Every structure is written in C-alpha cells, then in structure tokens.
Amino acid sequence: MLAWTQLFGAVSFEVFGQFANTLEPADELFEYLLDATADRLGL
C-alpha cells in the first residue's frame, strides 16, 4: 500500500505539474522517488 500511494502521488504530481517551479531540478526528484520506491519493493 505504501509503494502504491508513493507511486500514485509522484506520478500525479508529475503529470499535473505540481513539481514545476517548486523543486528544482524536478526531474531528478521524480527519479529519486521512483528509485526509492523500487528499492523498498526490492526491485
């Protein structure tokens, strides 16, 4: 459940531009969030 909510939130923020002009570089943050979630799942 934790991985799903993390992934859903990160993708929603990316798609709807919530990371833009708030956290720079936003692309690196998005990649970090996906990598951290994959690590938690053992992928």
N, C-alpha and C. Protein backbone atom coordinates (compact mmCIF):
# COMPACT_ATOMS: atom_id res chain seq x y z
N MET A 1 0.84 -1.18 0.00
CA MET A 1 0.00 0.00 0.00
C MET A 1 0.89 1.26 0.00
N LEU A 2 1.95 1.21 0.77
CA LEU A 2 2.85 2.37 0.82
C LEU A 2 3.46 2.65 -0.56
N ALA A 3 3.90 1.60 -1.24
CA ALA A 3 4.50 1.78 -2.56
C ALA A 3 3.48 2.33 -3.56
N TRP A 4 2.24 1.82 -3.49
CA TRP A 4 1.21 2.29 -4.42
C TRP A 4 0.92 3.78 -4.20
N THR A 5 0.74 4.19 -2.96
CA THR A 5 0.43 5.60 -2.71
C THR A 5 1.60 6.50 -3.07
N GLN A 6 2.82 6.04 -2.82
CA GLN A 6 4.00 6.83 -3.20
C GLN A 6 4.06 6.99 -4.71
N LEU A 7 3.88 5.90 -5.43
CA LEU A 7 3.94 5.95 -6.88
C LEU A 7 2.80 6.78 -7.46
N PHE A 8 1.59 6.56 -6.97
CA PHE A 8 0.42 7.31 -7.45
C PHE A 8 0.61 8.81 -7.22
N GLY A 9 1.09 9.18 -6.05
CA GLY A 9 1.32 10.59 -5.74
C GLY A 9 2.40 11.21 -6.61
N ALA A 10 3.51 10.49 -6.79
CA ALA A 10 4.61 11.02 -7.60
C ALA A 10 4.19 11.21 -9.05
N VAL A 11 3.49 10.22 -9.58
CA VAL A 11 3.04 10.32 -10.98
C VAL A 11 2.01 11.44 -11.13
N SER A 12 1.08 11.55 -10.19
CA SER A 12 0.07 12.61 -10.25
C SER A 12 0.72 13.99 -10.19
N PHE A 13 1.67 14.16 -9.28
CA PHE A 13 2.37 15.44 -9.19
C PHE A 13 3.10 15.76 -10.48
N GLU A 14 3.75 14.75 -11.07
CA GLU A 14 4.49 14.97 -12.31
C GLU A 14 3.54 15.31 -13.46
N VAL A 15 2.47 14.57 -13.60
CA VAL A 15 1.54 14.77 -14.71
C VAL A 15 0.85 16.14 -14.63
N PHE A 16 0.48 16.55 -13.43
CA PHE A 16 -0.26 17.80 -13.28
C PHE A 16 0.62 19.00 -12.95
N GLY A 17 1.95 18.83 -13.06
CA GLY A 17 2.88 19.95 -12.96
C GLY A 17 3.09 20.50 -11.56
N GLN A 18 2.83 19.71 -10.54
CA GLN A 18 2.99 20.20 -9.18
C GLN A 18 4.46 20.37 -8.79
N PHE A 19 5.36 19.64 -9.44
CA PHE A 19 6.78 19.77 -9.15
C PHE A 19 7.39 20.98 -9.85
N ALA A 20 6.78 21.46 -10.90
CA ALA A 20 7.33 22.55 -11.70
C ALA A 20 7.40 23.84 -10.88
N ASN A 21 8.52 24.50 -10.97
CA ASN A 21 8.78 25.79 -10.32
C ASN A 21 8.68 25.73 -8.79
N THR A 22 8.74 24.54 -8.22
CA THR A 22 8.74 24.43 -6.76
C THR A 22 9.99 23.74 -6.26
N LEU A 23 10.35 22.68 -6.91
CA LEU A 23 11.53 21.92 -6.53
C LEU A 23 12.40 21.75 -7.76
N GLU A 24 13.60 22.25 -7.68
CA GLU A 24 14.49 22.16 -8.84
C GLU A 24 15.72 21.37 -8.46
N PRO A 25 16.15 20.48 -9.27
CA PRO A 25 15.58 20.03 -10.52
C PRO A 25 14.48 19.00 -10.27
N ALA A 26 13.31 19.25 -10.76
CA ALA A 26 12.14 18.39 -10.53
C ALA A 26 12.33 17.00 -11.14
N ASP A 27 12.98 16.90 -12.28
CA ASP A 27 13.18 15.59 -12.91
C ASP A 27 14.00 14.67 -12.03
N GLU A 28 15.03 15.22 -11.39
CA GLU A 28 15.88 14.41 -10.52
C GLU A 28 15.11 13.97 -9.27
N LEU A 29 14.26 14.81 -8.74
CA LEU A 29 13.44 14.44 -7.59
C LEU A 29 12.49 13.32 -7.97
N PHE A 30 11.85 13.41 -9.13
CA PHE A 30 10.92 12.37 -9.58
C PHE A 30 11.66 11.04 -9.73
N GLU A 31 12.84 11.06 -10.34
CA GLU A 31 13.63 9.83 -10.48
C GLU A 31 14.01 9.26 -9.13
N TYR A 32 14.40 10.14 -8.20
CA TYR A 32 14.75 9.69 -6.86
C TYR A 32 13.57 9.00 -6.18
N LEU A 33 12.38 9.59 -6.28
CA LEU A 33 11.20 8.99 -5.67
C LEU A 33 10.89 7.62 -6.26
N LEU A 34 11.01 7.49 -7.58
CA LEU A 34 10.77 6.20 -8.21
C LEU A 34 11.83 5.18 -7.80
N ASP A 35 13.09 5.60 -7.75
CA ASP A 35 14.16 4.69 -7.32
C ASP A 35 13.98 4.25 -5.87
N ALA A 36 13.60 5.17 -5.00
CA ALA A 36 13.40 4.83 -3.59
C ALA A 36 12.25 3.85 -3.42
N THR A 37 11.18 4.03 -4.18
CA THR A 37 10.06 3.12 -4.12
C THR A 37 10.45 1.74 -4.64
N ALA A 38 11.20 1.69 -5.73
CA ALA A 38 11.68 0.41 -6.28
C ALA A 38 12.58 -0.30 -5.27
N ASP A 39 13.44 0.44 -4.60
CA ASP A 39 14.31 -0.14 -3.58
C ASP A 39 13.50 -0.76 -2.43
N ARG A 40 12.46 -0.06 -2.01
CA ARG A 40 11.61 -0.58 -0.93
C ARG A 40 10.93 -1.88 -1.34
N LEU A 41 10.63 -2.00 -2.63
CA LEU A 41 9.97 -3.21 -3.13
C LEU A 41 10.98 -4.31 -3.46
N GLY A 42 12.26 -3.99 -3.39
CA GLY A 42 13.29 -4.97 -3.71
C GLY A 42 13.51 -5.16 -5.19
N LEU A 43 13.18 -4.14 -5.97
CA LEU A 43 13.36 -4.22 -7.43
C LEU A 43 14.69 -3.65 -7.86
